[in-house]
Amino acid sequence: MPTYADFPEDLRAAQVALLETRTAYEQYATTLPWSAEPMPGWESDKQLHSTYVSAKPDSPGYTEEQAAEVSRFQAELRRLSIEVVTHPYWQSLAGPDLVEARMVLRHAHESTEDEAA
């Protein structure tokens, strides 16, 4: 089973950048209105055997700046995903070894965080 150190440095860096960009995008998305386009709010009927009522306030939609930032994040996530998935390193593996190596790389940041703590 490969370890994080077995991967080429540029592949490791791209994977870390992908994870960091995804995290930043998810954090940014929590600050956005619930709809990219202006939409009226709504409230559903109470659910059977529950006091829960689903509702959303009116959404003003994204500003031009917010839409541009979302597009920037999405473009960077696509670029980094392509860089990781098409890296030449993967051509040296096949079958279960390839799948296992991809999973190790996806979770490699967890082991480096544990070592730093």
PDB file of N, CA and C in Angstrom:
ATOM      1  N   MET A   1       0.851  -1.176   0.000  1.00  0.00           N
ATOM      2  CA  MET A   1       0.000   0.000   0.000  1.00  0.00           C
ATOM      3  C   MET A   1       0.896   1.239   0.000  1.00  0.00           C
ATOM      4  N   PRO A   2       0.632   2.198  -0.921  1.00  0.00           N
ATOM      5  CA  PRO A   2       1.477   3.382  -0.968  1.00  0.00           C
ATOM      6  C   PRO A   2       1.230   4.271   0.253  1.00  0.00           C
ATOM      7  N   THR A   3       2.219   5.049   0.571  1.00  0.00           N
ATOM      8  CA  THR A   3       2.069   6.050   1.615  1.00  0.00           C
ATOM      9  C   THR A   3       2.076   7.414   0.951  1.00  0.00           C
ATOM     10  N   TYR A   4       1.716   8.415   1.704  1.00  0.00           N
ATOM     11  CA  TYR A   4       1.659   9.761   1.164  1.00  0.00           C
ATOM     12  C   TYR A   4       3.005  10.176   0.577  1.00  0.00           C
ATOM     13  N   ALA A   5       4.092   9.748   1.192  1.00  0.00           N
ATOM     14  CA  ALA A   5       5.430  10.108   0.727  1.00  0.00           C
ATOM     15  C   ALA A   5       5.770   9.455  -0.608  1.00  0.00           C
ATOM     16  N   ASP A   6       5.056   8.391  -0.991  1.00  0.00           N
ATOM     17  CA  ASP A   6       5.329   7.706  -2.253  1.00  0.00           C
ATOM     18  C   ASP A   6       4.823   8.475  -3.474  1.00  0.00           C
ATOM     19  N   PHE A   7       3.954   9.443  -3.281  1.00  0.00           N
ATOM     20  CA  PHE A   7       3.392  10.189  -4.394  1.00  0.00           C
ATOM     21  C   PHE A   7       4.332  11.309  -4.820  1.00  0.00           C
ATOM     22  N   PRO A   8       4.351  11.658  -6.123  1.00  0.00           N
ATOM     23  CA  PRO A   8       5.165  12.785  -6.570  1.00  0.00           C
ATOM     24  C   PRO A   8       4.736  14.074  -5.860  1.00  0.00           C
ATOM     25  N   GLU A   9       5.679  14.945  -5.623  1.00  0.00           N
ATOM     26  CA  GLU A   9       5.411  16.185  -4.883  1.00  0.00           C
ATOM     27  C   GLU A   9       4.335  17.034  -5.560  1.00  0.00           C
ATOM     28  N   ASP A  10       4.372  17.135  -6.894  1.00  0.00           N
ATOM     29  CA  ASP A  10       3.376  17.969  -7.577  1.00  0.00           C
ATOM     30  C   ASP A  10       1.965  17.390  -7.454  1.00  0.00           C
ATOM     31  N   LEU A  11       1.853  16.074  -7.407  1.00  0.00           N
ATOM     32  CA  LEU A  11       0.553  15.437  -7.210  1.00  0.00           C
ATOM     33  C   LEU A  11       0.050  15.682  -5.794  1.00  0.00           C
ATOM     34  N   ARG A  12       0.929  15.542  -4.824  1.00  0.00           N
ATOM     35  CA  ARG A  12       0.537  15.817  -3.428  1.00  0.00           C
ATOM     36  C   ARG A  12       0.102  17.272  -3.279  1.00  0.00           C
ATOM     37  N   ALA A  13       0.864  18.190  -3.873  1.00  0.00           N
ATOM     38  CA  ALA A  13       0.527  19.620  -3.770  1.00  0.00           C
ATOM     39  C   ALA A  13      -0.815  19.920  -4.426  1.00  0.00           C
ATOM     40  N   ALA A  14      -1.078  19.301  -5.569  1.00  0.00           N
ATOM     41  CA  ALA A  14      -2.358  19.514  -6.245  1.00  0.00           C
ATOM     42  C   ALA A  14      -3.514  18.977  -5.407  1.00  0.00           C
ATOM     43  N   GLN A  15      -3.322  17.820  -4.768  1.00  0.00           N
ATOM     44  CA  GLN A  15      -4.373  17.247  -3.930  1.00  0.00           C
ATOM     45  C   GLN A  15      -4.656  18.139  -2.728  1.00  0.00           C
ATOM     46  N   VAL A  16      -3.609  18.644  -2.098  1.00  0.00           N
ATOM     47  CA  VAL A  16      -3.794  19.545  -0.954  1.00  0.00           C
ATOM     48  C   VAL A  16      -4.505  20.817  -1.398  1.00  0.00           C
ATOM     49  N   ALA A  17      -4.085  21.382  -2.537  1.00  0.00           N
ATOM     50  CA  ALA A  17      -4.728  22.589  -3.054  1.00  0.00           C
ATOM     51  C   ALA A  17      -6.195  22.330  -3.370  1.00  0.00           C
ATOM     52  N   LEU A  18      -6.499  21.157  -3.900  1.00  0.00           N
ATOM     53  CA  LEU A  18      -7.885  20.798  -4.198  1.00  0.00           C
ATOM     54  C   LEU A  18      -8.718  20.752  -2.914  1.00  0.00           C
ATOM     55  N   LEU A  19      -8.201  20.115  -1.895  1.00  0.00           N
ATOM     56  CA  LEU A  19      -8.930  20.032  -0.623  1.00  0.00           C
ATOM     57  C   LEU A  19      -9.104  21.404   0.014  1.00  0.00           C
ATOM     58  N   GLU A  20      -8.062  22.221  -0.007  1.00  0.00           N
ATOM     59  CA  GLU A  20      -8.139  23.558   0.578  1.00  0.00           C
ATOM     60  C   GLU A  20      -9.125  24.445  -0.190  1.00  0.00           C
ATOM     61  N   THR A  21      -9.106  24.335  -1.515  1.00  0.00           N
ATOM     62  CA  THR A  21     -10.025  25.128  -2.331  1.00  0.00           C
ATOM     63  C   THR A  21     -11.461  24.687  -2.104  1.00  0.00           C
ATOM     64  N   ARG A  22     -11.685  23.387  -2.013  1.00  0.00           N
ATOM     65  CA  ARG A  22     -13.037  22.883  -1.748  1.00  0.00           C
ATOM     66  C   ARG A  22     -13.535  23.373  -0.388  1.00  0.00           C
ATOM     67  N   THR A  23     -12.680  23.332   0.610  1.00  0.00           N
ATOM     68  CA  THR A  23     -13.062  23.811   1.937  1.00  0.00           C
ATOM     69  C   THR A  23     -13.394  25.300   1.906  1.00  0.00           C
ATOM     70  N   ALA A  24     -12.560  26.084   1.238  1.00  0.00           N
ATOM     71  CA  ALA A  24     -12.807  27.527   1.139  1.00  0.00           C
ATOM     72  C   ALA A  24     -14.117  27.806   0.402  1.00  0.00           C
ATOM     73  N   TYR A  25     -14.365  27.051  -0.656  1.00  0.00           N
ATOM     74  CA  TYR A  25     -15.605  27.231  -1.422  1.00  0.00           C
ATOM     75  C   TYR A  25     -16.821  26.881  -0.563  1.00  0.00           C
ATOM     76  N   GLU A  26     -16.751  25.788   0.166  1.00  0.00           N
ATOM     77  CA  GLU A  26     -17.872  25.395   1.018  1.00  0.00           C
ATOM     78  C   GLU A  26     -18.129  26.434   2.104  1.00  0.00           C
ATOM     79  N   GLN A  27     -17.073  26.987   2.674  1.00  0.00           N
ATOM     80  CA  GLN A  27     -17.235  28.037   3.678  1.00  0.00           C
ATOM     81  C   GLN A  27     -17.847  29.286   3.053  1.00  0.00           C
ATOM     82  N   TYR A  28     -17.383  29.658   1.862  1.00  0.00           N
ATOM     83  CA  TYR A  28     -17.931  30.820   1.181  1.00  0.00           C
ATOM     84  C   TYR A  28     -19.404  30.601   0.853  1.00  0.00           C
ATOM     85  N   ALA A  29     -19.751  29.405   0.413  1.00  0.00           N
ATOM     86  CA  ALA A  29     -21.127  29.104   0.025  1.00  0.00           C
ATOM     87  C   ALA A  29     -22.101  29.280   1.187  1.00  0.00           C
ATOM     88  N   THR A  30     -21.633  29.084   2.407  1.00  0.00           N
ATOM     89  CA  THR A  30     -22.535  29.257   3.564  1.00  0.00           C
ATOM     90  C   THR A  30     -22.931  30.715   3.774  1.00  0.00           C
ATOM     91  N   THR A  31     -22.199  31.653   3.159  1.00  0.00           N
ATOM     92  CA  THR A  31     -22.514  33.075   3.305  1.00  0.00           C
ATOM     93  C   THR A  31     -23.466  33.565   2.221  1.00  0.00           C
ATOM     94  N   LEU A  32     -23.750  32.730   1.242  1.00  0.00           N
ATOM     95  CA  LEU A  32     -24.551  33.140   0.093  1.00  0.00           C
ATOM     96  C   LEU A  32     -26.043  32.962   0.339  1.00  0.00           C
ATOM     97  N   PRO A  33     -26.869  33.713  -0.396  1.00  0.00           N
ATOM     98  CA  PRO A  33     -28.310  33.461  -0.348  1.00  0.00           C
ATOM     99  C   PRO A  33     -28.601  32.037  -0.811  1.00  0.00           C
ATOM    100  N   TRP A  34     -29.741  31.502  -0.437  1.00  0.00           N
ATOM    101  CA  TRP A  34     -30.045  30.110  -0.759  1.00  0.00           C
ATOM    102  C   TRP A  34     -30.287  29.884  -2.248  1.00  0.00           C
ATOM    103  N   SER A  35     -30.564  30.922  -3.000  1.00  0.00           N
ATOM    104  CA  SER A  35     -30.783  30.796  -4.438  1.00  0.00           C
ATOM    105  C   SER A  35     -29.885  31.777  -5.181  1.00  0.00           C
ATOM    106  N   ALA A  36     -29.297  31.326  -6.273  1.00  0.00           N
ATOM    107  CA  ALA A  36     -28.451  32.209  -7.078  1.00  0.00           C
ATOM    108  C   ALA A  36     -29.278  33.291  -7.765  1.00  0.00           C
ATOM    109  N   GLU A  37     -30.513  32.979  -8.094  1.00  0.00           N
ATOM    110  CA  GLU A  37     -31.432  33.929  -8.722  1.00  0.00           C
ATOM    111  C   GLU A  37     -32.422  34.432  -7.682  1.00  0.00           C
ATOM    112  N   PRO A  38     -32.923  35.649  -7.827  1.00  0.00           N
ATOM    113  CA  PRO A  38     -33.956  36.118  -6.894  1.00  0.00           C
ATOM    114  C   PRO A  38     -35.160  35.177  -6.918  1.00  0.00           C
ATOM    115  N   MET A  39     -35.569  34.761  -5.742  1.00  0.00           N
ATOM    116  CA  MET A  39     -36.692  33.825  -5.626  1.00  0.00           C
ATOM    117  C   MET A  39     -37.533  34.206  -4.407  1.00  0.00           C
ATOM    118  N   PRO A  40     -38.842  34.031  -4.512  1.00  0.00           N
ATOM    119  CA  PRO A  40     -39.670  34.290  -3.337  1.00  0.00           C
ATOM    120  C   PRO A  40     -39.479  33.185  -2.298  1.00  0.00           C
ATOM    121  N   GLY A  41     -39.649  33.527  -1.057  1.00  0.00           N
ATOM    122  CA  GLY A  41     -39.582  32.542   0.013  1.00  0.00           C
ATOM    123  C   GLY A  41     -40.808  31.655  -0.004  1.00  0.00           C
ATOM    124  N   TRP A  42     -40.804  30.647   0.850  1.00  0.00           N
ATOM    125  CA  TRP A  42     -41.925  29.732   0.918  1.00  0.00           C
ATOM    126  C   TRP A  42     -41.954  29.047   2.285  1.00  0.00           C
ATOM    127  N   GLU A  43     -43.113  28.482   2.588  1.00  0.00           N
ATOM    128  CA  GLU A  43     -43.281  27.704   3.813  1.00  0.00           C
ATOM    129  C   GLU A  43     -44.169  26.516   3.487  1.00  0.00           C
ATOM    130  N   SER A  44     -43.744  25.339   3.906  1.00  0.00           N
ATOM    131  CA  SER A  44     -44.524  24.131   3.632  1.00  0.00           C
ATOM    132  C   SER A  44     -45.485  23.863   4.780  1.00  0.00           C
ATOM    133  N   ASP A  45     -46.344  22.911   4.551  1.00  0.00           N
ATOM    134  CA  ASP A  45     -47.251  22.482   5.610  1.00  0.00           C
ATOM    135  C   ASP A  45     -46.458  21.716   6.666  1.00  0.00           C
ATOM    136  N   LYS A  46     -46.994  21.691   7.867  1.00  0.00           N
ATOM    137  CA  LYS A  46     -46.379  20.922   8.942  1.00  0.00           C
ATOM    138  C   LYS A  46     -46.333  19.452   8.541  1.00  0.00           C
ATOM    139  N   GLN A  47     -45.223  18.797   8.875  1.00  0.00           N
ATOM    140  CA  GLN A  47     -45.058  17.383   8.568  1.00  0.00           C
ATOM    141  C   GLN A  47     -45.878  16.536   9.545  1.00  0.00           C
ATOM    142  N   LEU A  48     -46.433  15.460   9.048  1.00  0.00           N
ATOM    143  CA  LEU A  48     -47.230  14.553   9.863  1.00  0.00           C
ATOM    144  C   LEU A  48     -46.407  14.025  11.037  1.00  0.00           C
ATOM    145  N   HIS A  49     -46.950  14.025  12.233  1.00  0.00           N
ATOM    146  CA  HIS A  49     -46.311  13.534  13.458  1.00  0.00           C
ATOM    147  C   HIS A  49     -45.038  14.318  13.791  1.00  0.00           C
ATOM    148  N   SER A  50     -45.009  15.575  13.428  1.00  0.00           N
ATOM    149  CA  SER A  50     -43.831  16.395  13.683  1.00  0.00           C
ATOM    150  C   SER A  50     -44.266  17.844  13.809  1.00  0.00           C
ATOM    151  N   THR A  51     -43.450  18.614  14.481  1.00  0.00           N
ATOM    152  CA  THR A  51     -43.710  20.050  14.550  1.00  0.00           C
ATOM    153  C   THR A  51     -42.869  20.803  13.521  1.00  0.00           C
ATOM    154  N   TYR A  52     -42.118  20.074  12.710  1.00  0.00           N
ATOM    155  CA  TYR A  52     -41.221  20.683  11.739  1.00  0.00           C
ATOM    156  C   TYR A  52     -41.993  21.292  10.574  1.00  0.00           C
ATOM    157  N   VAL A  53     -41.661  22.534  10.265  1.00  0.00           N
ATOM    158  CA  VAL A  53     -42.217  23.218   9.109  1.00  0.00           C
ATOM    159  C   VAL A  53     -41.037  23.726   8.288  1.00  0.00           C
ATOM    160  N   SER A  54     -40.929  23.251   7.064  1.00  0.00           N
ATOM    161  CA  SER A  54     -39.845  23.667   6.186  1.00  0.00           C
ATOM    162  C   SER A  54     -40.172  25.039   5.610  1.00  0.00           C
ATOM    163  N   ALA A  55     -39.181  25.944   5.642  1.00  0.00           N
ATOM    164  CA  ALA A  55     -39.420  27.294   5.126  1.00  0.00           C
ATOM    165  C   ALA A  55     -38.109  27.925   4.677  1.00  0.00           C
ATOM    166  N   LYS A  56     -38.227  28.839   3.739  1.00  0.00           N
ATOM    167  CA  LYS A  56     -37.094  29.629   3.268  1.00  0.00           C
ATOM    168  C   LYS A  56     -37.550  31.082   3.161  1.00  0.00           C
ATOM    169  N   PRO A  57     -36.683  32.029   3.553  1.00  0.00           N
ATOM    170  CA  PRO A  57     -37.028  33.436   3.356  1.00  0.00           C
ATOM    171  C   PRO A  57     -36.827  33.823   1.884  1.00  0.00           C
ATOM    172  N   ASP A  58     -37.278  35.008   1.503  1.00  0.00           N
ATOM    173  CA  ASP A  58     -37.011  35.497   0.152  1.00  0.00           C
ATOM    174  C   ASP A  58     -35.506  35.504  -0.087  1.00  0.00           C
ATOM    175  N   SER A  59     -35.113  35.154  -1.297  1.00  0.00           N
ATOM    176  CA  SER A  59     -33.700  35.189  -1.665  1.00  0.00           C
ATOM    177  C   SER A  59     -33.473  36.345  -2.638  1.00  0.00           C
ATOM    178  N   PRO A  60     -32.529  37.220  -2.314  1.00  0.00           N
ATOM    179  CA  PRO A  60     -32.242  38.318  -3.241  1.00  0.00           C
ATOM    180  C   PRO A  60     -31.434  37.864  -4.456  1.00  0.00           C
ATOM    181  N   GLY A  61     -30.946  36.627  -4.440  1.00  0.00           N
ATOM    182  CA  GLY A  61     -30.059  36.145  -5.499  1.00  0.00           C
ATOM    183  C   GLY A  61     -28.640  36.605  -5.226  1.00  0.00           C
ATOM    184  N   TYR A  62     -27.711  36.145  -6.053  1.00  0.00           N
ATOM    185  CA  TYR A  62     -26.305  36.512  -5.882  1.00  0.00           C
ATOM    186  C   TYR A  62     -26.051  37.884  -6.491  1.00  0.00           C
ATOM    187  N   THR A  63     -25.152  38.608  -5.881  1.00  0.00           N
ATOM    188  CA  THR A  63     -24.666  39.840  -6.498  1.00  0.00           C
ATOM    189  C   THR A  63     -23.716  39.452  -7.624  1.00  0.00           C
ATOM    190  N   GLU A  64     -23.342  40.405  -8.457  1.00  0.00           N
ATOM    191  CA  GLU A  64     -22.380  40.108  -9.528  1.00  0.00           C
ATOM    192  C   GLU A  64     -21.059  39.620  -8.943  1.00  0.00           C
ATOM    193  N   GLU A  65     -20.643  40.217  -7.820  1.00  0.00           N
ATOM    194  CA  GLU A  65     -19.395  39.814  -7.173  1.00  0.00           C
ATOM    195  C   GLU A  65     -19.487  38.389  -6.634  1.00  0.00           C
ATOM    196  N   GLN A  66     -20.613  38.051  -6.021  1.00  0.00           N
ATOM    197  CA  GLN A  66     -20.793  36.693  -5.501  1.00  0.00           C
ATOM    198  C   GLN A  66     -20.809  35.674  -6.636  1.00  0.00           C
ATOM    199  N   ALA A  67     -21.510  35.974  -7.711  1.00  0.00           N
ATOM    200  CA  ALA A  67     -21.559  35.054  -8.854  1.00  0.00           C
ATOM    201  C   ALA A  67     -20.170  34.878  -9.459  1.00  0.00           C
ATOM    202  N   ALA A  68     -19.406  35.959  -9.534  1.00  0.00           N
ATOM    203  CA  ALA A  68     -18.045  35.877 -10.077  1.00  0.00           C
ATOM    204  C   ALA A  68     -17.158  35.026  -9.173  1.00  0.00           C
ATOM    205  N   GLU A  69     -17.307  35.171  -7.863  1.00  0.00           N
ATOM    206  CA  GLU A  69     -16.500  34.386  -6.924  1.00  0.00           C
ATOM    207  C   GLU A  69     -16.872  32.907  -6.990  1.00  0.00           C
ATOM    208  N   VAL A  70     -18.136  32.598  -7.111  1.00  0.00           N
ATOM    209  CA  VAL A  70     -18.567  31.203  -7.261  1.00  0.00           C
ATOM    210  C   VAL A  70     -17.978  30.624  -8.549  1.00  0.00           C
ATOM    211  N   SER A  71     -18.038  31.373  -9.628  1.00  0.00           N
ATOM    212  CA  SER A  71     -17.459  30.909 -10.902  1.00  0.00           C
ATOM    213  C   SER A  71     -15.960  30.689 -10.775  1.00  0.00           C
ATOM    214  N   ARG A  72     -15.275  31.590 -10.070  1.00  0.00           N
ATOM    215  CA  ARG A  72     -13.829  31.460  -9.878  1.00  0.00           C
ATOM    216  C   ARG A  72     -13.518  30.184  -9.104  1.00  0.00           C
ATOM    217  N   PHE A  73     -14.243  29.952  -8.007  1.00  0.00           N
ATOM    218  CA  PHE A  73     -14.049  28.729  -7.220  1.00  0.00           C
ATOM    219  C   PHE A  73     -14.301  27.489  -8.079  1.00  0.00           C
ATOM    220  N   GLN A  74     -15.388  27.483  -8.827  1.00  0.00           N
ATOM    221  CA  GLN A  74     -15.727  26.310  -9.626  1.00  0.00           C
ATOM    222  C   GLN A  74     -14.671  26.044 -10.697  1.00  0.00           C
ATOM    223  N   ALA A  75     -14.161  27.087 -11.329  1.00  0.00           N
ATOM    224  CA  ALA A  75     -13.116  26.916 -12.342  1.00  0.00           C
ATOM    225  C   ALA A  75     -11.840  26.359 -11.713  1.00  0.00           C
ATOM    226  N   GLU A  76     -11.485  26.869 -10.542  1.00  0.00           N
ATOM    227  CA  GLU A  76     -10.274  26.383  -9.862  1.00  0.00           C
ATOM    228  C   GLU A  76     -10.445  24.936  -9.409  1.00  0.00           C
ATOM    229  N   LEU A  77     -11.632  24.587  -8.923  1.00  0.00           N
ATOM    230  CA  LEU A  77     -11.891  23.199  -8.529  1.00  0.00           C
ATOM    231  C   LEU A  77     -11.817  22.258  -9.733  1.00  0.00           C
ATOM    232  N   ARG A  78     -12.357  22.679 -10.867  1.00  0.00           N
ATOM    233  CA  ARG A  78     -12.249  21.865 -12.082  1.00  0.00           C
ATOM    234  C   ARG A  78     -10.786  21.694 -12.491  1.00  0.00           C
ATOM    235  N   ARG A  79     -10.038  22.792 -12.500  1.00  0.00           N
ATOM    236  CA  ARG A  79      -8.636  22.741 -12.911  1.00  0.00           C
ATOM    237  C   ARG A  79      -7.837  21.800 -12.022  1.00  0.00           C
ATOM    238  N   LEU A  80      -8.003  21.931 -10.703  1.00  0.00           N
ATOM    239  CA  LEU A  80      -7.264  21.082  -9.767  1.00  0.00           C
ATOM    240  C   LEU A  80      -7.711  19.623  -9.856  1.00  0.00           C
ATOM    241  N   SER A  81      -8.990  19.392 -10.038  1.00  0.00           N
ATOM    242  CA  SER A  81      -9.492  18.020 -10.185  1.00  0.00           C
ATOM    243  C   SER A  81      -8.881  17.361 -11.410  1.00  0.00           C
ATOM    244  N   ILE A  82      -8.843  18.076 -12.503  1.00  0.00           N
ATOM    245  CA  ILE A  82      -8.249  17.537 -13.733  1.00  0.00           C
ATOM    246  C   ILE A  82      -6.767  17.269 -13.521  1.00  0.00           C
ATOM    247  N   GLU A  83      -6.077  18.194 -12.843  1.00  0.00           N
ATOM    248  CA  GLU A  83      -4.642  18.010 -12.584  1.00  0.00           C
ATOM    249  C   GLU A  83      -4.382  16.747 -11.770  1.00  0.00           C
ATOM    250  N   VAL A  84      -5.202  16.502 -10.752  1.00  0.00           N
ATOM    251  CA  VAL A  84      -5.016  15.313  -9.910  1.00  0.00           C
ATOM    252  C   VAL A  84      -5.378  14.039 -10.682  1.00  0.00           C
ATOM    253  N   VAL A  85      -6.516  14.033 -11.334  1.00  0.00           N
ATOM    254  CA  VAL A  85      -7.015  12.817 -11.977  1.00  0.00           C
ATOM    255  C   VAL A  85      -6.183  12.405 -13.190  1.00  0.00           C
ATOM    256  N   THR A  86      -5.631  13.368 -13.906  1.00  0.00           N
ATOM    257  CA  THR A  86      -4.885  13.038 -15.124  1.00  0.00           C
ATOM    258  C   THR A  86      -3.372  13.021 -14.913  1.00  0.00           C
ATOM    259  N   HIS A  87      -2.928  13.083 -13.667  1.00  0.00           N
ATOM    260  CA  HIS A  87      -1.487  13.089 -13.402  1.00  0.00           C
ATOM    261  C   HIS A  87      -0.845  11.804 -13.953  1.00  0.00           C
ATOM    262  N   PRO A  88       0.331  11.924 -14.579  1.00  0.00           N
ATOM    263  CA  PRO A  88       1.000  10.749 -15.165  1.00  0.00           C
ATOM    264  C   PRO A  88       1.296   9.627 -14.166  1.00  0.00           C
ATOM    265  N   TYR A  89       1.383   9.943 -12.883  1.00  0.00           N
ATOM    266  CA  TYR A  89       1.659   8.914 -11.873  1.00  0.00           C
ATOM    267  C   TYR A  89       0.654   7.772 -11.943  1.00  0.00           C
ATOM    268  N   TRP A  90      -0.604   8.083 -12.226  1.00  0.00           N
ATOM    269  CA  TRP A  90      -1.650   7.061 -12.208  1.00  0.00           C
ATOM    270  C   TRP A  90      -1.443   6.014 -13.291  1.00  0.00           C
ATOM    271  N   GLN A  91      -0.705   6.339 -14.342  1.00  0.00           N
ATOM    272  CA  GLN A  91      -0.467   5.377 -15.424  1.00  0.00           C
ATOM    273  C   GLN A  91       0.432   4.226 -14.981  1.00  0.00           C
ATOM    274  N   SER A  92       1.134   4.405 -13.866  1.00  0.00           N
ATOM    275  CA  SER A  92       2.015   3.339 -13.380  1.00  0.00           C
ATOM    276  C   SER A  92       1.262   2.304 -12.543  1.00  0.00           C
ATOM    277  N   LEU A  93      -0.018   2.514 -12.322  1.00  0.00           N
ATOM    278  CA  LEU A  93      -0.828   1.611 -11.501  1.00  0.00           C
ATOM    279  C   LEU A  93      -2.016   1.102 -12.301  1.00  0.00           C
ATOM    280  N   ALA A  94      -2.574  -0.006 -11.850  1.00  0.00           N
ATOM    281  CA  ALA A  94      -3.756  -0.554 -12.513  1.00  0.00           C
ATOM    282  C   ALA A  94      -4.614  -1.308 -11.506  1.00  0.00           C
ATOM    283  N   GLY A  95      -5.870  -1.459 -11.842  1.00  0.00           N
ATOM    284  CA  GLY A  95      -6.796  -2.266 -11.055  1.00  0.00           C
ATOM    285  C   GLY A  95      -6.921  -1.820  -9.615  1.00  0.00           C
ATOM    286  N   PRO A  96      -6.943  -2.793  -8.689  1.00  0.00           N
ATOM    287  CA  PRO A  96      -7.116  -2.472  -7.272  1.00  0.00           C
ATOM    288  C   PRO A  96      -6.007  -1.568  -6.720  1.00  0.00           C
ATOM    289  N   ASP A  97      -4.797  -1.692  -7.260  1.00  0.00           N
ATOM    290  CA  ASP A  97      -3.711  -0.832  -6.785  1.00  0.00           C
ATOM    291  C   ASP A  97      -4.002   0.628  -7.093  1.00  0.00           C
ATOM    292  N   LEU A  98      -4.569   0.886  -8.263  1.00  0.00           N
ATOM    293  CA  LEU A  98      -4.909   2.253  -8.646  1.00  0.00           C
ATOM    294  C   LEU A  98      -5.977   2.820  -7.719  1.00  0.00           C
ATOM    295  N   VAL A  99      -7.014   2.053  -7.486  1.00  0.00           N
ATOM    296  CA  VAL A  99      -8.105   2.497  -6.611  1.00  0.00           C
ATOM    297  C   VAL A  99      -7.570   2.758  -5.201  1.00  0.00           C
ATOM    298  N   GLU A 100      -6.766   1.849  -4.693  1.00  0.00           N
ATOM    299  CA  GLU A 100      -6.224   2.003  -3.344  1.00  0.00           C
ATOM    300  C   GLU A 100      -5.328   3.242  -3.254  1.00  0.00           C
ATOM    301  N   ALA A 101      -4.490   3.444  -4.252  1.00  0.00           N
ATOM    302  CA  ALA A 101      -3.594   4.602  -4.246  1.00  0.00           C
ATOM    303  C   ALA A 101      -4.382   5.905  -4.291  1.00  0.00           C
ATOM    304  N   ARG A 102      -5.443   5.956  -5.090  1.00  0.00           N
ATOM    305  CA  ARG A 102      -6.260   7.175  -5.142  1.00  0.00           C
ATOM    306  C   ARG A 102      -6.913   7.457  -3.787  1.00  0.00           C
ATOM    307  N   MET A 103      -7.349   6.412  -3.106  1.00  0.00           N
ATOM    308  CA  MET A 103      -7.957   6.601  -1.791  1.00  0.00           C
ATOM    309  C   MET A 103      -6.918   7.056  -0.769  1.00  0.00           C
ATOM    310  N   VAL A 104      -5.720   6.504  -0.844  1.00  0.00           N
ATOM    311  CA  VAL A 104      -4.659   6.922   0.072  1.00  0.00           C
ATOM    312  C   VAL A 104      -4.361   8.407  -0.142  1.00  0.00           C
ATOM    313  N   LEU A 105      -4.252   8.817  -1.404  1.00  0.00           N
ATOM    314  CA  LEU A 105      -3.962  10.226  -1.685  1.00  0.00           C
ATOM    315  C   LEU A 105      -5.089  11.125  -1.189  1.00  0.00           C
ATOM    316  N   ARG A 106      -6.319  10.718  -1.384  1.00  0.00           N
ATOM    317  CA  ARG A 106      -7.462  11.543  -0.952  1.00  0.00           C
ATOM    318  C   ARG A 106      -7.467  11.760   0.561  1.00  0.00           C
ATOM    319  N   HIS A 107      -6.954  10.807   1.308  1.00  0.00           N
ATOM    320  CA  HIS A 107      -6.972  10.911   2.768  1.00  0.00           C
ATOM    321  C   HIS A 107      -5.602  11.204   3.362  1.00  0.00           C
ATOM    322  N   ALA A 108      -4.631  11.457   2.523  1.00  0.00           N
ATOM    323  CA  ALA A 108      -3.267  11.675   3.001  1.00  0.00           C
ATOM    324  C   ALA A 108      -3.163  12.894   3.909  1.00  0.00           C
ATOM    325  N   HIS A 109      -3.963  13.919   3.659  1.00  0.00           N
ATOM    326  CA  HIS A 109      -3.895  15.115   4.502  1.00  0.00           C
ATOM    327  C   HIS A 109      -4.263  14.802   5.954  1.00  0.00           C
ATOM    328  N   GLU A 110      -5.088  13.770   6.157  1.00  0.00           N
ATOM    329  CA  GLU A 110      -5.480  13.395   7.516  1.00  0.00           C
ATOM    330  C   GLU A 110      -4.274  12.878   8.301  1.00  0.00           C
ATOM    331  N   SER A 111      -3.412  12.081   7.683  1.00  0.00           N
ATOM    332  CA  SER A 111      -2.247  11.547   8.385  1.00  0.00           C
ATOM    333  C   SER A 111      -1.226  12.648   8.652  1.00  0.00           C
ATOM    334  N   THR A 112      -1.076  13.601   7.735  1.00  0.00           N
ATOM    335  CA  THR A 112      -0.130  14.690   7.978  1.00  0.00           C
ATOM    336  C   THR A 112      -0.638  15.627   9.058  1.00  0.00           C
ATOM    337  N   GLU A 113      -1.957  15.800   9.154  1.00  0.00           N
ATOM    338  CA  GLU A 113      -2.514  16.610  10.232  1.00  0.00           C
ATOM    339  C   GLU A 113      -2.310  15.914  11.579  1.00  0.00           C
ATOM    340  N   ASP A 114      -2.482  14.586  11.603  1.00  0.00           N
ATOM    341  CA  ASP A 114      -2.272  13.826  12.839  1.00  0.00           C
ATOM    342  C   ASP A 114      -0.831  13.910  13.292  1.00  0.00           C
ATOM    343  N   GLU A 115       0.102  13.845  12.355  1.00  0.00           N
ATOM    344  CA  GLU A 115       1.517  13.919  12.705  1.00  0.00           C
ATOM    345  C   GLU A 115       1.900  15.294  13.228  1.00  0.00           C
ATOM    346  N   ALA A 116       1.239  16.341  12.725  1.00  0.00           N
ATOM    347  CA  ALA A 116       1.546  17.700  13.168  1.00  0.00           C
ATOM    348  C   ALA A 116       1.012  17.980  14.562  1.00  0.00           C
ATOM    349  N   ALA A 117      -0.013  17.246  14.965  1.00  0.00           N
ATOM    350  CA  ALA A 117      -0.629  17.497  16.288  1.00  0.00           C
ATOM    351  C   ALA A 117       0.178  16.922  17.416  1.00  0.00           C
TER     352      ALA A 117
END
